[in-house]
PDB file of N, CA and C in Angstrom:
ATOM      1  N   MET A   1       5.507 -30.010  17.422  1.00  0.00           N
ATOM      2  CA  MET A   1       5.785 -28.687  17.941  1.00  0.00           C
ATOM      3  C   MET A   1       7.227 -28.282  17.652  1.00  0.00           C
ATOM      4  N   GLU A   2       8.126 -29.227  17.692  1.00  0.00           N
ATOM      5  CA  GLU A   2       9.522 -28.919  17.459  1.00  0.00           C
ATOM      6  C   GLU A   2       9.768 -28.481  16.022  1.00  0.00           C
ATOM      7  N   ARG A   3       9.027 -29.076  15.078  1.00  0.00           N
ATOM      8  CA  ARG A   3       9.173 -28.680  13.684  1.00  0.00           C
ATOM      9  C   ARG A   3       8.691 -27.242  13.469  1.00  0.00           C
ATOM     10  N   LEU A   4       7.665 -26.829  14.178  1.00  0.00           N
ATOM     11  CA  LEU A   4       7.183 -25.448  14.044  1.00  0.00           C
ATOM     12  C   LEU A   4       8.244 -24.449  14.515  1.00  0.00           C
ATOM     13  N   LEU A   5       8.947 -24.800  15.589  1.00  0.00           N
ATOM     14  CA  LEU A   5       9.974 -23.912  16.107  1.00  0.00           C
ATOM     15  C   LEU A   5      11.227 -23.942  15.233  1.00  0.00           C
ATOM     16  N   THR A   6      11.529 -25.073  14.636  1.00  0.00           N
ATOM     17  CA  THR A   6      12.692 -25.191  13.763  1.00  0.00           C
ATOM     18  C   THR A   6      12.459 -24.370  12.462  1.00  0.00           C
ATOM     19  N   ASN A   7      11.264 -24.468  11.936  1.00  0.00           N
ATOM     20  CA  ASN A   7      10.926 -23.784  10.683  1.00  0.00           C
ATOM     21  C   ASN A   7      10.107 -22.542  11.013  1.00  0.00           C
ATOM     22  N   TYR A   8      10.669 -21.640  11.787  1.00  0.00           N
ATOM     23  CA  TYR A   8       9.883 -20.494  12.248  1.00  0.00           C
ATOM     24  C   TYR A   8       9.595 -19.494  11.136  1.00  0.00           C
ATOM     25  N   TYR A   9      10.411 -19.408  10.118  1.00  0.00           N
ATOM     26  CA  TYR A   9      10.092 -18.529   8.989  1.00  0.00           C
ATOM     27  C   TYR A   9       8.844 -19.002   8.268  1.00  0.00           C
ATOM     28  N   GLU A  10       8.769 -20.327   8.021  1.00  0.00           N
ATOM     29  CA  GLU A  10       7.613 -20.874   7.344  1.00  0.00           C
ATOM     30  C   GLU A  10       6.363 -20.737   8.219  1.00  0.00           C
ATOM     31  N   THR A  11       6.517 -20.987   9.515  1.00  0.00           N
ATOM     32  CA  THR A  11       5.384 -20.843  10.430  1.00  0.00           C
ATOM     33  C   THR A  11       4.890 -19.425  10.455  1.00  0.00           C
ATOM     34  N   ALA A  12       5.814 -18.471  10.520  1.00  0.00           N
ATOM     35  CA  ALA A  12       5.420 -17.056  10.532  1.00  0.00           C
ATOM     36  C   ALA A  12       4.717 -16.679   9.214  1.00  0.00           C
ATOM     37  N   SER A  13       5.184 -17.188   8.117  1.00  0.00           N
ATOM     38  CA  SER A  13       4.550 -16.846   6.822  1.00  0.00           C
ATOM     39  C   SER A  13       3.152 -17.443   6.727  1.00  0.00           C
ATOM     40  N   ILE A  14       2.942 -18.615   7.281  1.00  0.00           N
ATOM     41  CA  ILE A  14       1.597 -19.210   7.271  1.00  0.00           C
ATOM     42  C   ILE A  14       0.636 -18.421   8.153  1.00  0.00           C
ATOM     43  N   ILE A  15       1.141 -18.010   9.314  1.00  0.00           N
ATOM     44  CA  ILE A  15       0.296 -17.196  10.223  1.00  0.00           C
ATOM     45  C   ILE A  15      -0.032 -15.845   9.551  1.00  0.00           C
ATOM     46  N   LEU A  16       0.968 -15.208   8.939  1.00  0.00           N
ATOM     47  CA  LEU A  16       0.722 -13.929   8.246  1.00  0.00           C
ATOM     48  C   LEU A  16      -0.268 -14.100   7.100  1.00  0.00           C
ATOM     49  N   PHE A  17      -0.158 -15.190   6.361  1.00  0.00           N
ATOM     50  CA  PHE A  17      -1.114 -15.448   5.285  1.00  0.00           C
ATOM     51  C   PHE A  17      -2.510 -15.578   5.814  1.00  0.00           C
ATOM     52  N   GLY A  18      -2.688 -16.282   6.921  1.00  0.00           N
ATOM     53  CA  GLY A  18      -4.006 -16.414   7.541  1.00  0.00           C
ATOM     54  C   GLY A  18      -4.547 -15.092   8.024  1.00  0.00           C
ATOM     55  N   ILE A  19      -3.714 -14.261   8.595  1.00  0.00           N
ATOM     56  CA  ILE A  19      -4.159 -12.930   9.036  1.00  0.00           C
ATOM     57  C   ILE A  19      -4.602 -12.102   7.843  1.00  0.00           C
ATOM     58  N   GLY A  20      -3.791 -12.116   6.773  1.00  0.00           N
ATOM     59  CA  GLY A  20      -4.159 -11.340   5.586  1.00  0.00           C
ATOM     60  C   GLY A  20      -5.409 -11.846   4.934  1.00  0.00           C
ATOM     61  N   PHE A  21      -5.586 -13.171   4.863  1.00  0.00           N
ATOM     62  CA  PHE A  21      -6.774 -13.769   4.245  1.00  0.00           C
ATOM     63  C   PHE A  21      -8.017 -13.435   5.066  1.00  0.00           C
ATOM     64  N   ALA A  22      -7.892 -13.514   6.384  1.00  0.00           N
ATOM     65  CA  ALA A  22      -9.056 -13.183   7.237  1.00  0.00           C
ATOM     66  C   ALA A  22      -9.405 -11.694   7.075  1.00  0.00           C
ATOM     67  N   THR A  23      -8.403 -10.843   7.007  1.00  0.00           N
ATOM     68  CA  THR A  23      -8.666  -9.395   6.825  1.00  0.00           C
ATOM     69  C   THR A  23      -9.342  -9.170   5.493  1.00  0.00           C
ATOM     70  N   LEU A  24      -8.915  -9.846   4.478  1.00  0.00           N
ATOM     71  CA  LEU A  24      -9.526  -9.697   3.146  1.00  0.00           C
ATOM     72  C   LEU A  24     -10.969 -10.165   3.151  1.00  0.00           C
ATOM     73  N   LEU A  25     -11.285 -11.226   3.859  1.00  0.00           N
ATOM     74  CA  LEU A  25     -12.652 -11.750   3.833  1.00  0.00           C
ATOM     75  C   LEU A  25     -13.616 -11.070   4.799  1.00  0.00           C
ATOM     76  N   LEU A  26     -13.127 -10.647   5.931  1.00  0.00           N
ATOM     77  CA  LEU A  26     -14.039 -10.202   7.016  1.00  0.00           C
ATOM     78  C   LEU A  26     -14.341  -8.699   7.016  1.00  0.00           C
ATOM     79  N   HIS A  27     -13.600  -7.890   6.289  1.00  0.00           N
ATOM     80  CA  HIS A  27     -13.828  -6.452   6.332  1.00  0.00           C
ATOM     81  C   HIS A  27     -14.498  -5.951   5.064  1.00  0.00           C
ATOM     82  N   ASN A  28     -15.353  -4.942   5.217  1.00  0.00           N
ATOM     83  CA  ASN A  28     -16.016  -4.334   4.079  1.00  0.00           C
ATOM     84  C   ASN A  28     -15.280  -3.108   3.559  1.00  0.00           C
ATOM     85  N   ASN A  29     -14.373  -2.560   4.360  1.00  0.00           N
ATOM     86  CA  ASN A  29     -13.629  -1.380   4.002  1.00  0.00           C
ATOM     87  C   ASN A  29     -12.596  -1.763   2.926  1.00  0.00           C
ATOM     88  N   LEU A  30     -12.593  -1.047   1.805  1.00  0.00           N
ATOM     89  CA  LEU A  30     -11.685  -1.393   0.692  1.00  0.00           C
ATOM     90  C   LEU A  30     -10.214  -1.201   1.048  1.00  0.00           C
ATOM     91  N   ILE A  31      -9.903  -0.188   1.868  1.00  0.00           N
ATOM     92  CA  ILE A  31      -8.505   0.006   2.286  1.00  0.00           C
ATOM     93  C   ILE A  31      -8.033  -1.206   3.130  1.00  0.00           C
ATOM     94  N   LYS A  32      -8.878  -1.687   4.030  1.00  0.00           N
ATOM     95  CA  LYS A  32      -8.531  -2.823   4.856  1.00  0.00           C
ATOM     96  C   LYS A  32      -8.334  -4.067   3.976  1.00  0.00           C
ATOM     97  N   LYS A  33      -9.148  -4.205   2.937  1.00  0.00           N
ATOM     98  CA  LYS A  33      -8.986  -5.339   2.023  1.00  0.00           C
ATOM     99  C   LYS A  33      -7.634  -5.283   1.277  1.00  0.00           C
ATOM    100  N   ILE A  34      -7.268  -4.078   0.896  1.00  0.00           N
ATOM    101  CA  ILE A  34      -5.968  -3.901   0.216  1.00  0.00           C
ATOM    102  C   ILE A  34      -4.821  -4.216   1.174  1.00  0.00           C
ATOM    103  N   ILE A  35      -4.944  -3.798   2.423  1.00  0.00           N
ATOM    104  CA  ILE A  35      -3.927  -4.103   3.424  1.00  0.00           C
ATOM    105  C   ILE A  35      -3.836  -5.620   3.654  1.00  0.00           C
ATOM    106  N   GLY A  36      -4.996  -6.291   3.702  1.00  0.00           N
ATOM    107  CA  GLY A  36      -5.000  -7.731   3.850  1.00  0.00           C
ATOM    108  C   GLY A  36      -4.304  -8.424   2.688  1.00  0.00           C
ATOM    109  N   LEU A  37      -4.545  -7.925   1.472  1.00  0.00           N
ATOM    110  CA  LEU A  37      -3.884  -8.487   0.298  1.00  0.00           C
ATOM    111  C   LEU A  37      -2.378  -8.278   0.362  1.00  0.00           C
ATOM    112  N   ASN A  38      -1.946  -7.113   0.856  1.00  0.00           N
ATOM    113  CA  ASN A  38      -0.510  -6.847   0.997  1.00  0.00           C
ATOM    114  C   ASN A  38       0.141  -7.760   2.041  1.00  0.00           C
ATOM    115  N   ILE A  39      -0.577  -8.035   3.134  1.00  0.00           N
ATOM    116  CA  ILE A  39      -0.068  -8.946   4.152  1.00  0.00           C
ATOM    117  C   ILE A  39       0.096 -10.340   3.539  1.00  0.00           C
ATOM    118  N   MET A  40      -0.855 -10.752   2.730  1.00  0.00           N
ATOM    119  CA  MET A  40      -0.748 -12.071   2.061  1.00  0.00           C
ATOM    120  C   MET A  40       0.445 -12.091   1.116  1.00  0.00           C
ATOM    121  N   ASP A  41       0.627 -11.038   0.317  1.00  0.00           N
ATOM    122  CA  ASP A  41       1.777 -10.962  -0.584  1.00  0.00           C
ATOM    123  C   ASP A  41       3.091 -11.075   0.195  1.00  0.00           C
ATOM    124  N   THR A  42       3.192 -10.331   1.272  1.00  0.00           N
ATOM    125  CA  THR A  42       4.409 -10.331   2.082  1.00  0.00           C
ATOM    126  C   THR A  42       4.692 -11.711   2.660  1.00  0.00           C
ATOM    127  N   SER A  43       3.651 -12.423   3.050  1.00  0.00           N
ATOM    128  CA  SER A  43       3.855 -13.763   3.624  1.00  0.00           C
ATOM    129  C   SER A  43       4.371 -14.703   2.551  1.00  0.00           C
ATOM    130  N   ILE A  44       3.923 -14.573   1.315  1.00  0.00           N
ATOM    131  CA  ILE A  44       4.424 -15.425   0.243  1.00  0.00           C
ATOM    132  C   ILE A  44       5.893 -15.129  -0.049  1.00  0.00           C
ATOM    133  N   PHE A  45       6.225 -13.822  -0.056  1.00  0.00           N
ATOM    134  CA  PHE A  45       7.651 -13.453  -0.272  1.00  0.00           C
ATOM    135  C   PHE A  45       8.526 -13.997   0.824  1.00  0.00           C
ATOM    136  N   LEU A  46       8.105 -13.894   2.087  1.00  0.00           N
ATOM    137  CA  LEU A  46       8.874 -14.405   3.204  1.00  0.00           C
ATOM    138  C   LEU A  46       9.079 -15.925   3.067  1.00  0.00           C
ATOM    139  N   PHE A  47       8.021 -16.629   2.672  1.00  0.00           N
ATOM    140  CA  PHE A  47       8.091 -18.092   2.545  1.00  0.00           C
ATOM    141  C   PHE A  47       9.115 -18.499   1.489  1.00  0.00           C
ATOM    142  N   PHE A  48       9.015 -17.893   0.307  1.00  0.00           N
ATOM    143  CA  PHE A  48       9.917 -18.309  -0.763  1.00  0.00           C
ATOM    144  C   PHE A  48      11.352 -17.878  -0.526  1.00  0.00           C
ATOM    145  N   ILE A  49      11.547 -16.719   0.053  1.00  0.00           N
ATOM    146  CA  ILE A  49      12.901 -16.293   0.347  1.00  0.00           C
ATOM    147  C   ILE A  49      13.530 -17.168   1.444  1.00  0.00           C
ATOM    148  N   ALA A  50      12.719 -17.572   2.437  1.00  0.00           N
ATOM    149  CA  ALA A  50      13.220 -18.476   3.454  1.00  0.00           C
ATOM    150  C   ALA A  50      13.566 -19.834   2.878  1.00  0.00           C
ATOM    151  N   LYS A  51      12.801 -20.300   1.931  1.00  0.00           N
ATOM    152  CA  LYS A  51      13.090 -21.590   1.287  1.00  0.00           C
ATOM    153  C   LYS A  51      14.308 -21.498   0.378  1.00  0.00           C
ATOM    154  N   GLY A  52      14.582 -20.345  -0.191  1.00  0.00           N
ATOM    155  CA  GLY A  52      15.708 -20.196  -1.084  1.00  0.00           C
ATOM    156  C   GLY A  52      17.043 -20.073  -0.376  1.00  0.00           C
ATOM    157  N   TYR A  53      17.043 -19.773   0.923  1.00  0.00           N
ATOM    158  CA  TYR A  53      18.270 -19.603   1.682  1.00  0.00           C
ATOM    159  C   TYR A  53      18.829 -20.951   2.075  1.00  0.00           C
ATOM    160  N   MET A  54      20.146 -21.121   1.888  1.00  0.00           N
ATOM    161  CA  MET A  54      20.821 -22.353   2.296  1.00  0.00           C
ATOM    162  C   MET A  54      22.041 -21.942   3.119  1.00  0.00           C
ATOM    163  N   GLU A  55      22.095 -22.429   4.338  1.00  0.00           N
ATOM    164  CA  GLU A  55      23.183 -22.052   5.245  1.00  0.00           C
ATOM    165  C   GLU A  55      24.525 -22.605   4.729  1.00  0.00           C
ATOM    166  N   GLY A  56      25.522 -21.741   4.809  1.00  0.00           N
ATOM    167  CA  GLY A  56      26.845 -22.144   4.362  1.00  0.00           C
ATOM    168  C   GLY A  56      27.158 -21.838   2.931  1.00  0.00           C
ATOM    169  N   LYS A  57      26.162 -21.404   2.169  1.00  0.00           N
ATOM    170  CA  LYS A  57      26.385 -21.041   0.762  1.00  0.00           C
ATOM    171  C   LYS A  57      26.366 -19.517   0.619  1.00  0.00           C
ATOM    172  N   ASP A  58      27.085 -19.061  -0.378  1.00  0.00           N
ATOM    173  CA  ASP A  58      27.218 -17.628  -0.619  1.00  0.00           C
ATOM    174  C   ASP A  58      26.263 -17.177  -1.715  1.00  0.00           C
ATOM    175  N   ALA A  59      26.104 -15.836  -1.791  1.00  0.00           N
ATOM    176  CA  ALA A  59      25.368 -15.246  -2.893  1.00  0.00           C
ATOM    177  C   ALA A  59      26.175 -15.480  -4.162  1.00  0.00           C
ATOM    178  N   PRO A  60      25.515 -15.643  -5.287  1.00  0.00           N
ATOM    179  CA  PRO A  60      26.222 -15.954  -6.536  1.00  0.00           C
ATOM    180  C   PRO A  60      27.008 -14.783  -7.117  1.00  0.00           C
ATOM    181  N   ILE A  61      27.927 -14.238  -6.309  1.00  0.00           N
ATOM    182  CA  ILE A  61      28.797 -13.171  -6.738  1.00  0.00           C
ATOM    183  C   ILE A  61      30.226 -13.683  -6.544  1.00  0.00           C
ATOM    184  N   ILE A  62      30.958 -13.788  -7.615  1.00  0.00           N
ATOM    185  CA  ILE A  62      32.296 -14.322  -7.572  1.00  0.00           C
ATOM    186  C   ILE A  62      33.278 -13.200  -7.178  1.00  0.00           C
ATOM    187  N   VAL A  63      33.919 -13.374  -5.988  1.00  0.00           N
ATOM    188  CA  VAL A  63      34.837 -12.350  -5.501  1.00  0.00           C
ATOM    189  C   VAL A  63      36.269 -12.898  -5.501  1.00  0.00           C
ATOM    190  N   ASN A  64      36.517 -13.952  -4.760  1.00  0.00           N
ATOM    191  CA  ASN A  64      37.870 -14.522  -4.642  1.00  0.00           C
ATOM    192  C   ASN A  64      37.974 -15.871  -5.313  1.00  0.00           C
ATOM    193  N   GLY A  65      37.566 -15.957  -6.537  1.00  0.00           N
ATOM    194  CA  GLY A  65      37.633 -17.203  -7.275  1.00  0.00           C
ATOM    195  C   GLY A  65      36.320 -17.980  -7.204  1.00  0.00           C
ATOM    196  N   PHE A  66      36.145 -18.855  -8.163  1.00  0.00           N
ATOM    197  CA  PHE A  66      34.908 -19.657  -8.281  1.00  0.00           C
ATOM    198  C   PHE A  66      34.949 -20.796  -7.286  1.00  0.00           C
ATOM    199  N   LYS A  67      33.885 -20.966  -6.505  1.00  0.00           N
ATOM    200  CA  LYS A  67      33.811 -21.990  -5.479  1.00  0.00           C
ATOM    201  C   LYS A  67      33.118 -23.271  -5.961  1.00  0.00           C
ATOM    202  N   GLY A  68      32.734 -23.333  -7.203  1.00  0.00           N
ATOM    203  CA  GLY A  68      31.999 -24.470  -7.710  1.00  0.00           C
ATOM    204  C   GLY A  68      30.496 -24.230  -7.633  1.00  0.00           C
ATOM    205  N   VAL A  69      29.759 -25.021  -8.353  1.00  0.00           N
ATOM    206  CA  VAL A  69      28.302 -24.840  -8.443  1.00  0.00           C
ATOM    207  C   VAL A  69      27.643 -24.991  -7.093  1.00  0.00           C
ATOM    208  N   ASN A  70      28.114 -25.889  -6.269  1.00  0.00           N
ATOM    209  CA  ASN A  70      27.503 -26.155  -4.973  1.00  0.00           C
ATOM    210  C   ASN A  70      27.893 -25.144  -3.892  1.00  0.00           C
ATOM    211  N   GLY A  71      28.725 -24.163  -4.193  1.00  0.00           N
ATOM    212  CA  GLY A  71      29.158 -23.172  -3.239  1.00  0.00           C
ATOM    213  C   GLY A  71      28.257 -21.970  -3.186  1.00  0.00           C
ATOM    214  N   TYR A  72      27.254 -21.900  -4.080  1.00  0.00           N
ATOM    215  CA  TYR A  72      26.393 -20.709  -4.156  1.00  0.00           C
ATOM    216  C   TYR A  72      24.918 -21.109  -4.099  1.00  0.00           C
ATOM    217  N   ILE A  73      24.106 -20.173  -3.643  1.00  0.00           N
ATOM    218  CA  ILE A  73      22.665 -20.391  -3.643  1.00  0.00           C
ATOM    219  C   ILE A  73      22.124 -20.166  -5.051  1.00  0.00           C
ATOM    220  N   ASN A  74      20.944 -20.637  -5.299  1.00  0.00           N
ATOM    221  CA  ASN A  74      20.279 -20.424  -6.579  1.00  0.00           C
ATOM    222  C   ASN A  74      19.686 -19.014  -6.598  1.00  0.00           C
ATOM    223  N   PRO A  75      20.017 -18.163  -7.529  1.00  0.00           N
ATOM    224  CA  PRO A  75      19.504 -16.784  -7.513  1.00  0.00           C
ATOM    225  C   PRO A  75      18.113 -16.637  -8.088  1.00  0.00           C
ATOM    226  N   ILE A  76      17.570 -17.680  -8.689  1.00  0.00           N
ATOM    227  CA  ILE A  76      16.252 -17.550  -9.349  1.00  0.00           C
ATOM    228  C   ILE A  76      15.123 -17.288  -8.374  1.00  0.00           C
ATOM    229  N   PRO A  77      14.998 -17.965  -7.222  1.00  0.00           N
ATOM    230  CA  PRO A  77      13.893 -17.658  -6.289  1.00  0.00           C
ATOM    231  C   PRO A  77      13.953 -16.204  -5.817  1.00  0.00           C
ATOM    232  N   THR A  78      15.153 -15.699  -5.541  1.00  0.00           N
ATOM    233  CA  THR A  78      15.283 -14.316  -5.079  1.00  0.00           C
ATOM    234  C   THR A  78      14.875 -13.339  -6.153  1.00  0.00           C
ATOM    235  N   SER A  79      15.266 -13.593  -7.405  1.00  0.00           N
ATOM    236  CA  SER A  79      14.911 -12.695  -8.476  1.00  0.00           C
ATOM    237  C   SER A  79      13.437 -12.768  -8.771  1.00  0.00           C
ATOM    238  N   LEU A  80      12.806 -13.911  -8.628  1.00  0.00           N
ATOM    239  CA  LEU A  80      11.357 -14.010  -8.801  1.00  0.00           C
ATOM    240  C   LEU A  80      10.617 -13.249  -7.731  1.00  0.00           C
ATOM    241  N   MET A  81      11.103 -13.295  -6.501  1.00  0.00           N
ATOM    242  CA  MET A  81      10.460 -12.552  -5.410  1.00  0.00           C
ATOM    243  C   MET A  81      10.647 -11.059  -5.613  1.00  0.00           C
ATOM    244  N   LEU A  82      11.770 -10.617  -6.120  1.00  0.00           N
ATOM    245  CA  LEU A  82      11.970  -9.213  -6.417  1.00  0.00           C
ATOM    246  C   LEU A  82      10.970  -8.735  -7.467  1.00  0.00           C
ATOM    247  N   THR A  83      10.757  -9.561  -8.486  1.00  0.00           N
ATOM    248  CA  THR A  83       9.746  -9.241  -9.512  1.00  0.00           C
ATOM    249  C   THR A  83       8.358  -9.222  -8.889  1.00  0.00           C
ATOM    250  N   GLY A  84       8.096 -10.166  -7.985  1.00  0.00           N
ATOM    251  CA  GLY A  84       6.789 -10.200  -7.308  1.00  0.00           C
ATOM    252  C   GLY A  84       6.534  -8.981  -6.453  1.00  0.00           C
ATOM    253  N   ILE A  85       7.576  -8.465  -5.821  1.00  0.00           N
ATOM    254  CA  ILE A  85       7.432  -7.244  -5.007  1.00  0.00           C
ATOM    255  C   ILE A  85       7.058  -6.058  -5.885  1.00  0.00           C
ATOM    256  N   VAL A  86       7.714  -5.977  -7.045  1.00  0.00           N
ATOM    257  CA  VAL A  86       7.391  -4.885  -7.976  1.00  0.00           C
ATOM    258  C   VAL A  86       5.945  -4.988  -8.453  1.00  0.00           C
ATOM    259  N   VAL A  87       5.502  -6.187  -8.765  1.00  0.00           N
ATOM    260  CA  VAL A  87       4.115  -6.397  -9.190  1.00  0.00           C
ATOM    261  C   VAL A  87       3.159  -6.066  -8.065  1.00  0.00           C
ATOM    262  N   ALA A  88       3.482  -6.456  -6.828  1.00  0.00           N
ATOM    263  CA  ALA A  88       2.616  -6.180  -5.679  1.00  0.00           C
ATOM    264  C   ALA A  88       2.493  -4.674  -5.424  1.00  0.00           C
ATOM    265  N   VAL A  89       3.582  -3.948  -5.546  1.00  0.00           N
ATOM    266  CA  VAL A  89       3.514  -2.506  -5.354  1.00  0.00           C
ATOM    267  C   VAL A  89       2.647  -1.851  -6.434  1.00  0.00           C
ATOM    268  N   SER A  90       2.819  -2.303  -7.669  1.00  0.00           N
ATOM    269  CA  SER A  90       2.017  -1.758  -8.775  1.00  0.00           C
ATOM    270  C   SER A  90       0.537  -2.078  -8.592  1.00  0.00           C
ATOM    271  N   THR A  91       0.244  -3.276  -8.188  1.00  0.00           N
ATOM    272  CA  THR A  91      -1.167  -3.682  -7.949  1.00  0.00           C
ATOM    273  C   THR A  91      -1.774  -2.884  -6.789  1.00  0.00           C
ATOM    274  N   THR A  92      -0.990  -2.648  -5.755  1.00  0.00           N
ATOM    275  CA  THR A  92      -1.480  -1.839  -4.647  1.00  0.00           C
ATOM    276  C   THR A  92      -1.773  -0.425  -5.081  1.00  0.00           C
ATOM    277  N   ALA A  93      -0.868   0.171  -5.836  1.00  0.00           N
ATOM    278  CA  ALA A  93      -1.097   1.530  -6.339  1.00  0.00           C
ATOM    279  C   ALA A  93      -2.354   1.604  -7.194  1.00  0.00           C
ATOM    280  N   PHE A  94      -2.538   0.622  -8.056  1.00  0.00           N
ATOM    281  CA  PHE A  94      -3.743   0.587  -8.893  1.00  0.00           C
ATOM    282  C   PHE A  94      -5.020   0.428  -8.065  1.00  0.00           C
ATOM    283  N   ALA A  95      -4.972  -0.480  -7.079  1.00  0.00           N
ATOM    284  CA  ALA A  95      -6.146  -0.694  -6.230  1.00  0.00           C
ATOM    285  C   ALA A  95      -6.465   0.551  -5.424  1.00  0.00           C
ATOM    286  N   LEU A  96      -5.458   1.255  -4.939  1.00  0.00           N
ATOM    287  CA  LEU A  96      -5.711   2.489  -4.181  1.00  0.00           C
ATOM    288  C   LEU A  96      -6.280   3.569  -5.102  1.00  0.00           C
ATOM    289  N   ALA A  97      -5.793   3.655  -6.323  1.00  0.00           N
ATOM    290  CA  ALA A  97      -6.353   4.619  -7.285  1.00  0.00           C
ATOM    291  C   ALA A  97      -7.815   4.311  -7.577  1.00  0.00           C
ATOM    292  N   LEU A  98      -8.167   3.030  -7.735  1.00  0.00           N
ATOM    293  CA  LEU A  98      -9.554   2.641  -7.926  1.00  0.00           C
ATOM    294  C   LEU A  98     -10.395   2.957  -6.724  1.00  0.00           C
ATOM    295  N   THR A  99      -9.849   2.786  -5.540  1.00  0.00           N
ATOM    296  CA  THR A  99     -10.564   3.096  -4.299  1.00  0.00           C
ATOM    297  C   THR A  99     -10.854   4.593  -4.221  1.00  0.00           C
ATOM    298  N   ILE A 100      -9.903   5.425  -4.629  1.00  0.00           N
ATOM    299  CA  ILE A 100     -10.148   6.864  -4.647  1.00  0.00           C
ATOM    300  C   ILE A 100     -11.275   7.208  -5.617  1.00  0.00           C
ATOM    301  N   LYS A 101     -11.286   6.577  -6.777  1.00  0.00           N
ATOM    302  CA  LYS A 101     -12.367   6.828  -7.767  1.00  0.00           C
ATOM    303  C   LYS A 101     -13.718   6.344  -7.234  1.00  0.00           C
ATOM    304  N   MET A 102     -13.717   5.228  -6.531  1.00  0.00           N
ATOM    305  CA  MET A 102     -14.959   4.721  -5.945  1.00  0.00           C
ATOM    306  C   MET A 102     -15.473   5.693  -4.865  1.00  0.00           C
ATOM    307  N   HIS A 103     -14.557   6.248  -4.090  1.00  0.00           N
ATOM    308  CA  HIS A 103     -14.952   7.217  -3.065  1.00  0.00           C
ATOM    309  C   HIS A 103     -15.500   8.477  -3.685  1.00  0.00           C
ATOM    310  N   GLU A 104     -14.897   8.908  -4.788  1.00  0.00           N
ATOM    311  CA  GLU A 104     -15.390  10.113  -5.487  1.00  0.00           C
ATOM    312  C   GLU A 104     -16.784   9.888  -6.062  1.00  0.00           C
ATOM    313  N   LYS A 105     -17.046   8.679  -6.549  1.00  0.00           N
ATOM    314  CA  LYS A 105     -18.317   8.391  -7.186  1.00  0.00           C
ATOM    315  C   LYS A 105     -19.428   8.109  -6.155  1.00  0.00           C
ATOM    316  N   TYR A 106     -19.109   7.276  -5.152  1.00  0.00           N
ATOM    317  CA  TYR A 106     -20.147   6.813  -4.220  1.00  0.00           C
ATOM    318  C   TYR A 106     -20.089   7.522  -2.874  1.00  0.00           C
ATOM    319  N   GLY A 107     -19.006   8.224  -2.540  1.00  0.00           N
ATOM    320  CA  GLY A 107     -18.908   8.900  -1.264  1.00  0.00           C
ATOM    321  C   GLY A 107     -18.570   8.006  -0.080  1.00  0.00           C
ATOM    322  N   THR A 108     -18.165   6.784  -0.365  1.00  0.00           N
ATOM    323  CA  THR A 108     -17.799   5.847   0.697  1.00  0.00           C
ATOM    324  C   THR A 108     -16.821   4.821   0.161  1.00  0.00           C
ATOM    325  N   ILE A 109     -16.104   4.154   1.072  1.00  0.00           N
ATOM    326  CA  ILE A 109     -15.235   3.049   0.652  1.00  0.00           C
ATOM    327  C   ILE A 109     -15.656   1.724   1.300  1.00  0.00           C
ATOM    328  N   GLU A 110     -16.852   1.753   1.875  1.00  0.00           N
ATOM    329  CA  GLU A 110     -17.432   0.514   2.431  1.00  0.00           C
ATOM    330  C   GLU A 110     -18.098  -0.256   1.308  1.00  0.00           C
ATOM    331  N   LEU A 111     -17.692  -1.530   1.111  1.00  0.00           N
ATOM    332  CA  LEU A 111     -18.143  -2.304  -0.015  1.00  0.00           C
ATOM    333  C   LEU A 111     -19.650  -2.546  -0.020  1.00  0.00           C
ATOM    334  N   ASN A 112     -20.236  -2.819   1.140  1.00  0.00           N
ATOM    335  CA  ASN A 112     -21.669  -3.075   1.186  1.00  0.00           C
ATOM    336  C   ASN A 112     -22.492  -1.831   0.814  1.00  0.00           C
ATOM    337  N   GLU A 113     -22.014  -0.647   1.192  1.00  0.00           N
ATOM    338  CA  GLU A 113     -22.701   0.593   0.829  1.00  0.00           C
ATOM    339  C   GLU A 113     -22.568   0.880  -0.652  1.00  0.00           C
ATOM    340  N   ILE A 114     -21.391   0.574  -1.217  1.00  0.00           N
ATOM    341  CA  ILE A 114     -21.201   0.759  -2.656  1.00  0.00           C
ATOM    342  C   ILE A 114     -22.115  -0.173  -3.425  1.00  0.00           C
ATOM    343  N   LEU A 115     -22.269  -1.403  -3.008  1.00  0.00           N
ATOM    344  CA  LEU A 115     -23.151  -2.342  -3.693  1.00  0.00           C
ATOM    345  C   LEU A 115     -24.607  -1.903  -3.594  1.00  0.00           C
ATOM    346  N   GLU A 116     -25.007  -1.357  -2.462  1.00  0.00           N
ATOM    347  CA  GLU A 116     -26.390  -0.835  -2.313  1.00  0.00           C
ATOM    348  C   GLU A 116     -26.647   0.351  -3.237  1.00  0.00           C
ATOM    349  N   LYS A 117     -25.671   1.279  -3.301  1.00  0.00           N
ATOM    350  CA  LYS A 117     -25.841   2.454  -4.145  1.00  0.00           C
ATOM    351  C   LYS A 117     -25.746   2.080  -5.624  1.00  0.00           C
ATOM    352  N   GLY A 118     -24.969   1.069  -5.955  1.00  0.00           N
ATOM    353  CA  GLY A 118     -24.854   0.639  -7.333  1.00  0.00           C
ATOM    354  C   GLY A 118     -26.085  -0.043  -7.871  1.00  0.00           C
ATOM    355  N   ALA A 119     -26.856  -0.677  -6.965  1.00  0.00           N
ATOM    356  CA  ALA A 119     -28.077  -1.357  -7.366  1.00  0.00           C
ATOM    357  C   ALA A 119     -29.221  -0.400  -7.647  1.00  0.00           C
ATOM    358  N   GLU A 120     -29.094   0.819  -7.179  1.00  0.00           N
ATOM    359  CA  GLU A 120     -30.204   1.769  -7.358  1.00  0.00           C
ATOM    360  C   GLU A 120     -30.283   2.305  -8.764  1.00  0.00           C
TER     361      GLU A 120
END
């Protein structure tokens, strides 16, 4: 129990991932599925950014002289998460655009109704 409280960022990201995964699996509404996917994405970003942070180290921006290699955090995890955020926003926009087209064609955004109408 003490480890869960010490690593609260990681614990929160695991809980958020579970909430997003359950939302993705249990709902038939396409908008709710997209929201669940976004919650999962956010939990992954939180996890990796929390793992990339090291207390006592600075961002890799040299202001008052070079502090040595061990004086700065590694910027690669942060830059990868920034790229991941851009990809997640683009994927969300594309999924919402497809949902609009599905609604225009089938008149609903409930997945089970779309599957029934598509089988006809």
